[in-house]
C-alpha atoms as a PDB file:
ATOM      1  CA  UNK A   1     136.303  41.414 148.641  1.00  0.00           C
ATOM      2  CA  UNK A   2     137.629  37.889 148.356  1.00  0.00           C
ATOM      3  CA  UNK A   3     139.131  37.224 151.801  1.00  0.00           C
ATOM      4  CA  UNK A   4     136.905  34.916 153.838  1.00  0.00           C
ATOM      5  CA  UNK A   5     137.401  35.860 157.468  1.00  0.00           C
ATOM      6  CA  UNK A   6     135.312  33.075 158.954  1.00  0.00           C
ATOM      7  CA  UNK A   7     138.130  30.460 159.120  1.00  0.00           C
ATOM      8  CA  UNK A   8     140.736  32.987 160.300  1.00  0.00           C
ATOM      9  CA  UNK A   9     138.611  34.991 162.747  1.00  0.00           C
ATOM     10  CA  UNK A  10     140.443  33.792 165.845  1.00  0.00           C
ATOM     11  CA  UNK A  11     143.878  34.302 164.290  1.00  0.00           C
ATOM     12  CA  UNK A  12     143.000  37.792 163.108  1.00  0.00           C
ATOM     13  CA  UNK A  13     141.791  38.633 166.602  1.00  0.00           C
ATOM     14  CA  UNK A  14     145.177  37.622 168.028  1.00  0.00           C
ATOM     15  CA  UNK A  15     147.074  39.612 165.381  1.00  0.00           C
ATOM     16  CA  UNK A  16     145.672  42.784 166.962  1.00  0.00           C
ATOM     17  CA  UNK A  17     148.187  42.225 169.769  1.00  0.00           C
ATOM     18  CA  UNK A  18     151.201  42.761 167.517  1.00  0.00           C
ATOM     19  CA  UNK A  19     153.165  45.768 168.853  1.00  0.00           C
ATOM     20  CA  UNK A  20     152.877  47.847 165.671  1.00  0.00           C
ATOM     21  CA  UNK A  21     149.101  47.546 165.823  1.00  0.00           C
ATOM     22  CA  UNK A  22     149.076  48.726 169.440  1.00  0.00           C
ATOM     23  CA  UNK A  23     151.662  51.505 169.250  1.00  0.00           C
ATOM     24  CA  UNK A  24     150.894  52.835 165.751  1.00  0.00           C
ATOM     25  CA  UNK A  25     147.540  51.648 164.398  1.00  0.00           C
ATOM     26  CA  UNK A  26     145.499  51.803 167.602  1.00  0.00           C
ATOM     27  CA  UNK A  27     147.262  54.891 168.929  1.00  0.00           C
ATOM     28  CA  UNK A  28     146.727  56.929 165.739  1.00  0.00           C
ATOM     29  CA  UNK A  29     143.137  55.826 165.179  1.00  0.00           C
ATOM     30  CA  UNK A  30     142.082  56.731 168.727  1.00  0.00           C
ATOM     31  CA  UNK A  31     143.901  60.070 168.498  1.00  0.00           C
ATOM     32  CA  UNK A  32     141.912  60.917 165.366  1.00  0.00           C
ATOM     33  CA  UNK A  33     138.609  59.840 166.867  1.00  0.00           C
ATOM     34  CA  UNK A  34     139.206  61.960 169.946  1.00  0.00           C
ATOM     35  CA  UNK A  35     136.780  62.038 172.854  1.00  0.00           C
ATOM     36  CA  UNK A  36     133.723  59.918 171.884  1.00  0.00           C
ATOM     37  CA  UNK A  37     131.723  60.654 175.054  1.00  0.00           C
ATOM     38  CA  UNK A  38     128.014  60.448 174.353  1.00  0.00           C
ATOM     39  CA  UNK A  39     128.419  60.020 170.594  1.00  0.00           C
ATOM     40  CA  UNK A  40     126.439  57.567 168.491  1.00  0.00           C
ATOM     41  CA  UNK A  41     128.972  55.468 166.603  1.00  0.00           C
ATOM     42  CA  UNK A  42     128.869  52.863 163.837  1.00  0.00           C
ATOM     43  CA  UNK A  43     131.905  50.607 163.490  1.00  0.00           C
ATOM     44  CA  UNK A  44     131.930  49.206 159.944  1.00  0.00           C
ATOM     45  CA  UNK A  45     134.012  46.082 159.314  1.00  0.00           C
ATOM     46  CA  UNK A  46     134.129  45.774 163.094  1.00  0.00           C
ATOM     47  CA  UNK A  47     135.600  42.280 163.045  1.00  0.00           C
ATOM     48  CA  UNK A  48     135.479  40.671 166.472  1.00  0.00           C
ATOM     49  CA  UNK A  49     134.770  44.042 168.067  1.00  0.00           C
ATOM     50  CA  UNK A  50     138.275  45.087 169.115  1.00  0.00           C
ATOM     51  CA  UNK A  51     137.783  48.798 168.436  1.00  0.00           C
ATOM     52  CA  UNK A  52     134.043  48.637 169.002  1.00  0.00           C
ATOM     53  CA  UNK A  53     134.592  47.647 172.628  1.00  0.00           C
ATOM     54  CA  UNK A  54     137.404  50.125 173.061  1.00  0.00           C
ATOM     55  CA  UNK A  55     135.296  53.059 171.892  1.00  0.00           C
ATOM     56  CA  UNK A  56     132.376  52.001 174.072  1.00  0.00           C
ATOM     57  CA  UNK A  57     134.664  51.776 177.099  1.00  0.00           C
ATOM     58  CA  UNK A  58     135.684  55.368 176.355  1.00  0.00           C
ATOM     59  CA  UNK A  59     132.110  56.424 177.121  1.00  0.00           C
ATOM     60  CA  UNK A  60     130.624  56.522 173.629  1.00  0.00           C
ATOM     61  CA  UNK A  61     126.833  56.555 173.613  1.00  0.00           C
ATOM     62  CA  UNK A  62     125.092  54.020 171.379  1.00  0.00           C
ATOM     63  CA  UNK A  63     127.569  51.800 169.524  1.00  0.00           C
ATOM     64  CA  UNK A  64     126.820  49.377 166.685  1.00  0.00           C
ATOM     65  CA  UNK A  65     129.273  47.055 164.968  1.00  0.00           C
ATOM     66  CA  UNK A  66     128.660  45.565 161.530  1.00  0.00           C
ATOM     67  CA  UNK A  67     130.787  43.014 159.685  1.00  0.00           C
ATOM     68  CA  UNK A  68     130.394  40.767 156.664  1.00  0.00           C
ATOM     69  CA  UNK A  69     131.865  37.751 158.459  1.00  0.00           C
ATOM     70  CA  UNK A  70     129.531  35.648 160.595  1.00  0.00           C
ATOM     71  CA  UNK A  71     132.594  34.180 162.312  1.00  0.00           C
ATOM     72  CA  UNK A  72     133.783  37.633 163.352  1.00  0.00           C
ATOM     73  CA  UNK A  73     130.342  38.642 164.602  1.00  0.00           C
ATOM     74  CA  UNK A  74     130.111  35.394 166.567  1.00  0.00           C
ATOM     75  CA  UNK A  75     133.361  36.296 168.359  1.00  0.00           C
ATOM     76  CA  UNK A  76     132.115  39.839 168.977  1.00  0.00           C
ATOM     77  CA  UNK A  77     128.814  38.622 170.400  1.00  0.00           C
ATOM     78  CA  UNK A  78     130.645  36.165 172.637  1.00  0.00           C
ATOM     79  CA  UNK A  79     132.658  39.063 174.065  1.00  0.00           C
ATOM     80  CA  UNK A  80     129.471  41.086 174.481  1.00  0.00           C
ATOM     81  CA  UNK A  81     127.831  38.265 176.401  1.00  0.00           C
ATOM     82  CA  UNK A  82     130.812  38.173 178.767  1.00  0.00           C
ATOM     83  CA  UNK A  83     131.279  41.914 179.284  1.00  0.00           C
ATOM     84  CA  UNK A  84     127.777  43.314 178.572  1.00  0.00           C
ATOM     85  CA  UNK A  85     128.853  46.687 177.250  1.00  0.00           C
ATOM     86  CA  UNK A  86     125.573  47.306 175.442  1.00  0.00           C
ATOM     87  CA  UNK A  87     126.979  47.021 171.918  1.00  0.00           C
ATOM     88  CA  UNK A  88     124.757  45.852 169.071  1.00  0.00           C
ATOM     89  CA  UNK A  89     126.527  43.589 166.548  1.00  0.00           C
ATOM     90  CA  UNK A  90     125.032  42.669 163.179  1.00  0.00           C
ATOM     91  CA  UNK A  91     126.139  40.823 160.063  1.00  0.00           C
ATOM     92  CA  UNK A  92     126.048  43.147 157.089  1.00  0.00           C
ATOM     93  CA  UNK A  93     127.797  44.219 153.901  1.00  0.00           C
ATOM     94  CA  UNK A  94     129.499  47.629 153.933  1.00  0.00           C
ATOM     95  CA  UNK A  95     128.531  48.010 150.276  1.00  0.00           C
ATOM     96  CA  UNK A  96     124.860  47.736 151.203  1.00  0.00           C
ATOM     97  CA  UNK A  97     124.509  49.583 154.502  1.00  0.00           C
ATOM     98  CA  UNK A  98     120.812  50.132 155.200  1.00  0.00           C
ATOM     99  CA  UNK A  99     119.391  53.570 155.872  1.00  0.00           C
ATOM    100  CA  UNK A 100     119.208  54.049 159.647  1.00  0.00           C
ATOM    101  CA  UNK A 101     119.036  56.845 162.172  1.00  0.00           C
ATOM    102  CA  UNK A 102     122.257  58.701 161.288  1.00  0.00           C
ATOM    103  CA  UNK A 103     125.318  58.490 163.516  1.00  0.00           C
ATOM    104  CA  UNK A 104     127.699  61.138 164.826  1.00  0.00           C
ATOM    105  CA  UNK A 105     130.703  59.078 163.774  1.00  0.00           C
ATOM    106  CA  UNK A 106     131.414  56.133 161.505  1.00  0.00           C
ATOM    107  CA  UNK A 107     134.718  54.359 162.053  1.00  0.00           C
ATOM    108  CA  UNK A 108     136.360  51.535 160.152  1.00  0.00           C
ATOM    109  CA  UNK A 109     139.575  49.593 160.545  1.00  0.00           C
ATOM    110  CA  UNK A 110     140.515  48.221 157.117  1.00  0.00           C
ATOM    111  CA  UNK A 111     137.410  48.462 154.984  1.00  0.00           C
ATOM    112  CA  UNK A 112     138.015  50.533 151.859  1.00  0.00           C
ATOM    113  CA  UNK A 113     141.114  48.537 150.897  1.00  0.00           C
ATOM    114  CA  UNK A 114     138.844  45.545 150.224  1.00  0.00           C
ATOM    115  CA  UNK A 115     137.205  47.370 147.315  1.00  0.00           C
ATOM    116  CA  UNK A 116     138.668  45.930 144.130  1.00  0.00           C
ATOM    117  CA  UNK A 117     136.834  48.297 141.781  1.00  0.00           C
ATOM    118  CA  UNK A 118     135.740  51.922 141.741  1.00  0.00           C
ATOM    119  CA  UNK A 119     132.105  50.867 141.931  1.00  0.00           C
ATOM    120  CA  UNK A 120     132.721  48.798 145.083  1.00  0.00           C
ATOM    121  CA  UNK A 121     134.578  51.689 146.689  1.00  0.00           C
ATOM    122  CA  UNK A 122     131.790  54.079 145.740  1.00  0.00           C
ATOM    123  CA  UNK A 123     129.155  51.796 147.254  1.00  0.00           C
ATOM    124  CA  UNK A 124     131.091  51.715 150.530  1.00  0.00           C
ATOM    125  CA  UNK A 125     131.545  55.494 150.625  1.00  0.00           C
ATOM    126  CA  UNK A 126     127.891  56.094 149.753  1.00  0.00           C
ATOM    127  CA  UNK A 127     126.715  53.829 152.575  1.00  0.00           C
ATOM    128  CA  UNK A 128     129.048  55.466 155.079  1.00  0.00           C
ATOM    129  CA  UNK A 129     127.962  58.987 154.113  1.00  0.00           C
ATOM    130  CA  UNK A 130     124.308  57.961 154.261  1.00  0.00           C
ATOM    131  CA  UNK A 131     124.880  56.675 157.801  1.00  0.00           C
ATOM    132  CA  UNK A 132     126.198  60.033 159.063  1.00  0.00           C
ATOM    133  CA  UNK A 133     124.522  63.141 160.388  1.00  0.00           C
ATOM    134  CA  UNK A 134     125.352  66.431 158.637  1.00  0.00           C
ATOM    135  CA  UNK A 135     128.922  67.393 159.639  1.00  0.00           C
ATOM    136  CA  UNK A 136     129.375  63.862 160.984  1.00  0.00           C
ATOM    137  CA  UNK A 137     132.807  62.296 160.604  1.00  0.00           C
ATOM    138  CA  UNK A 138     134.175  59.141 159.059  1.00  0.00           C
ATOM    139  CA  UNK A 139     137.535  58.040 160.499  1.00  0.00           C
ATOM    140  CA  UNK A 140     139.414  55.032 159.174  1.00  0.00           C
ATOM    141  CA  UNK A 141     142.730  53.228 159.081  1.00  0.00           C
ATOM    142  CA  UNK A 142     143.280  51.853 155.606  1.00  0.00           C
ATOM    143  CA  UNK A 143     145.870  50.273 153.371  1.00  0.00           C
ATOM    144  CA  UNK A 144     148.030  53.119 152.072  1.00  0.00           C
ATOM    145  CA  UNK A 145     147.224  53.974 148.417  1.00  0.00           C
ATOM    146  CA  UNK A 146     150.250  56.285 148.306  1.00  0.00           C
ATOM    147  CA  UNK A 147     152.679  53.403 148.880  1.00  0.00           C
ATOM    148  CA  UNK A 148     154.207  51.531 145.950  1.00  0.00           C
ATOM    149  CA  UNK A 149     153.775  48.099 147.517  1.00  0.00           C
ATOM    150  CA  UNK A 150     155.940  46.212 144.961  1.00  0.00           C
ATOM    151  CA  UNK A 151     158.992  48.116 146.227  1.00  0.00           C
ATOM    152  CA  UNK A 152     158.006  48.282 149.905  1.00  0.00           C
ATOM    153  CA  UNK A 153     160.588  47.138 152.461  1.00  0.00           C
ATOM    154  CA  UNK A 154     160.269  43.975 154.497  1.00  0.00           C
ATOM    155  CA  UNK A 155     157.963  44.347 157.497  1.00  0.00           C
ATOM    156  CA  UNK A 156     158.837  40.913 158.869  1.00  0.00           C
ATOM    157  CA  UNK A 157     160.260  42.278 162.125  1.00  0.00           C
ATOM    158  CA  UNK A 158     156.845  43.796 162.858  1.00  0.00           C
ATOM    159  CA  UNK A 159     155.098  40.454 162.400  1.00  0.00           C
ATOM    160  CA  UNK A 160     153.836  40.630 158.819  1.00  0.00           C
ATOM    161  CA  UNK A 161     154.878  40.876 155.178  1.00  0.00           C
ATOM    162  CA  UNK A 162     153.228  42.365 152.099  1.00  0.00           C
ATOM    163  CA  UNK A 163     153.608  41.163 148.519  1.00  0.00           C
ATOM    164  CA  UNK A 164     152.222  41.863 145.060  1.00  0.00           C
ATOM    165  CA  UNK A 165     152.117  39.383 142.195  1.00  0.00           C
ATOM    166  CA  UNK A 166     151.467  40.721 138.715  1.00  0.00           C
ATOM    167  CA  UNK A 167     151.302  44.265 137.332  1.00  0.00           C
ATOM    168  CA  UNK A 168     150.862  47.217 139.682  1.00  0.00           C
ATOM    169  CA  UNK A 169     147.694  48.778 138.348  1.00  0.00           C
ATOM    170  CA  UNK A 170     144.170  49.648 139.427  1.00  0.00           C
ATOM    171  CA  UNK A 171     142.668  46.756 141.391  1.00  0.00           C
ATOM    172  CA  UNK A 172     146.014  44.977 141.840  1.00  0.00           C
ATOM    173  CA  UNK A 173     145.837  42.455 144.720  1.00  0.00           C
ATOM    174  CA  UNK A 174     148.064  42.977 147.751  1.00  0.00           C
ATOM    175  CA  UNK A 175     148.715  39.991 150.006  1.00  0.00           C
ATOM    176  CA  UNK A 176     149.349  40.532 153.706  1.00  0.00           C
ATOM    177  CA  UNK A 177     150.892  37.558 155.517  1.00  0.00           C
ATOM    178  CA  UNK A 178     150.710  37.665 159.317  1.00  0.00           C
ATOM    179  CA  UNK A 179     153.059  35.629 161.500  1.00  0.00           C
ATOM    180  CA  UNK A 180     151.732  34.552 164.879  1.00  0.00           C
ATOM    181  CA  UNK A 181     153.613  32.523 167.467  1.00  0.00           C
ATOM    182  CA  UNK A 182     151.868  29.318 166.384  1.00  0.00           C
ATOM    183  CA  UNK A 183     150.547  29.951 162.888  1.00  0.00           C
ATOM    184  CA  UNK A 184     150.526  32.068 159.728  1.00  0.00           C
ATOM    185  CA  UNK A 185     147.546  33.473 157.859  1.00  0.00           C
ATOM    186  CA  UNK A 186     146.994  35.674 154.815  1.00  0.00           C
ATOM    187  CA  UNK A 187     144.643  38.455 153.737  1.00  0.00           C
ATOM    188  CA  UNK A 188     144.153  39.977 150.314  1.00  0.00           C
ATOM    189  CA  UNK A 189     143.216  43.566 149.583  1.00  0.00           C
ATOM    190  CA  UNK A 190     143.492  45.810 146.551  1.00  0.00           C
ATOM    191  CA  UNK A 191     145.122  48.933 145.174  1.00  0.00           C
ATOM    192  CA  UNK A 192     143.069  51.962 144.227  1.00  0.00           C
ATOM    193  CA  UNK A 193     144.993  55.234 144.143  1.00  0.00           C
ATOM    194  CA  UNK A 194     144.445  58.417 146.160  1.00  0.00           C
ATOM    195  CA  UNK A 195     142.638  60.212 143.324  1.00  0.00           C
ATOM    196  CA  UNK A 196     140.116  57.368 143.049  1.00  0.00           C
ATOM    197  CA  UNK A 197     139.481  57.508 146.803  1.00  0.00           C
ATOM    198  CA  UNK A 198     139.045  61.270 146.822  1.00  0.00           C
ATOM    199  CA  UNK A 199     136.649  61.154 143.876  1.00  0.00           C
ATOM    200  CA  UNK A 200     134.557  58.525 145.677  1.00  0.00           C
ATOM    201  CA  UNK A 201     134.472  60.601 148.882  1.00  0.00           C
ATOM    202  CA  UNK A 202     133.377  63.691 146.965  1.00  0.00           C
ATOM    203  CA  UNK A 203     130.670  61.865 145.032  1.00  0.00           C
ATOM    204  CA  UNK A 204     129.360  60.349 148.290  1.00  0.00           C
ATOM    205  CA  UNK A 205     128.869  63.833 149.708  1.00  0.00           C
ATOM    206  CA  UNK A 206     131.888  64.428 151.921  1.00  0.00           C
ATOM    207  CA  UNK A 207     132.911  68.087 152.005  1.00  0.00           C
ATOM    208  CA  UNK A 208     136.358  67.612 153.556  1.00  0.00           C
ATOM    209  CA  UNK A 209     138.929  64.826 153.278  1.00  0.00           C
ATOM    210  CA  UNK A 210     142.084  64.754 155.406  1.00  0.00           C
ATOM    211  CA  UNK A 211     144.892  62.214 155.110  1.00  0.00           C
ATOM    212  CA  UNK A 212     146.941  61.551 158.232  1.00  0.00           C
ATOM    213  CA  UNK A 213     150.312  59.836 158.586  1.00  0.00           C
ATOM    214  CA  UNK A 214     150.733  57.189 161.307  1.00  0.00           C
ATOM    215  CA  UNK A 215     151.846  58.286 164.758  1.00  0.00           C
ATOM    216  CA  UNK A 216     154.049  56.311 167.135  1.00  0.00           C
ATOM    217  CA  UNK A 217     153.046  56.330 170.790  1.00  0.00           C
ATOM    218  CA  UNK A 218     155.572  57.152 173.493  1.00  0.00           C
ATOM    219  CA  UNK A 219     155.158  53.615 174.806  1.00  0.00           C
ATOM    220  CA  UNK A 220     156.169  52.239 171.429  1.00  0.00           C
ATOM    221  CA  UNK A 221     159.320  54.317 171.496  1.00  0.00           C
ATOM    222  CA  UNK A 222     160.040  53.101 175.005  1.00  0.00           C
ATOM    223  CA  UNK A 223     159.789  49.481 173.844  1.00  0.00           C
ATOM    224  CA  UNK A 224     161.935  49.927 170.699  1.00  0.00           C
ATOM    225  CA  UNK A 225     164.165  52.727 169.433  1.00  0.00           C
ATOM    226  CA  UNK A 226     163.388  54.993 166.476  1.00  0.00           C
ATOM    227  CA  UNK A 227     165.513  52.916 164.118  1.00  0.00           C
ATOM    228  CA  UNK A 228     163.355  49.844 164.761  1.00  0.00           C
ATOM    229  CA  UNK A 229     160.224  51.732 163.718  1.00  0.00           C
ATOM    230  CA  UNK A 230     161.775  53.604 160.770  1.00  0.00           C
ATOM    231  CA  UNK A 231     160.687  51.235 157.973  1.00  0.00           C
ATOM    232  CA  UNK A 232     157.025  51.109 158.938  1.00  0.00           C
ATOM    233  CA  UNK A 233     156.858  54.861 159.572  1.00  0.00           C
ATOM    234  CA  UNK A 234     158.832  55.995 156.503  1.00  0.00           C
ATOM    235  CA  UNK A 235     157.211  53.489 154.117  1.00  0.00           C
ATOM    236  CA  UNK A 236     153.937  53.040 155.926  1.00  0.00           C
ATOM    237  CA  UNK A 237     151.643  50.348 154.507  1.00  0.00           C
ATOM    238  CA  UNK A 238     148.714  52.012 156.290  1.00  0.00           C
ATOM    239  CA  UNK A 239     147.241  55.478 156.272  1.00  0.00           C
ATOM    240  CA  UNK A 240     144.539  57.235 158.256  1.00  0.00           C
ATOM    241  CA  UNK A 241     141.686  59.143 156.653  1.00  0.00           C
ATOM    242  CA  UNK A 242     139.216  61.598 158.155  1.00  0.00           C
ATOM    243  CA  UNK A 243     136.174  62.681 156.128  1.00  0.00           C
ATOM    244  CA  UNK A 244     133.550  65.240 157.122  1.00  0.00           C
ATOM    245  CA  UNK A 245     130.074  65.126 155.630  1.00  0.00           C
END
């Protein structure tokens, strides 16, 4: 987990407005979560609280956001002070989630892809499972371990690029470069294959694991035709995972 989000917190916040993140990422994640009314929810790797606020506004019960970056949590707490949604934000490491009153749902936008080793991934999965009630769900959008990133197409028209330097093997770093109107920033995450993920989920105590392809919202199709979206849908750099304890 080498990316330091503190200096890029504001830029990362603005990258959430890229159309693909609205019409594919956000749309699919919220579809998988479903109706959160009254549920207790933990948002791990919550960043500046983008999804944390969204899920609270959809009538979730108690909502807590945790992130490793103090800069991200500062932005989230600033938003909370302005909007007073009743969200609790804390700085914490997903690999060392403390035992708490278990939640109905744990959600995460881009967490597991920051595990560079099997042991890091296992620590994350263990903490998530420990945070859930029996039959509770974990729903996440994640870098896609089924995609061969070295041969992925260009995603520049969507506002980002991915690249891999060096051999494509377990723990290989993947660089994501985001292009904003006034700046560019980079993130690094890592490749661990599907089998490694599924083994970690099973060892953590999840009884069911479901992989979901990205969905395109009708609004996204209204803004651009199917051909525009074909590269990111056919060779998706992200995937969606649903695990049941």
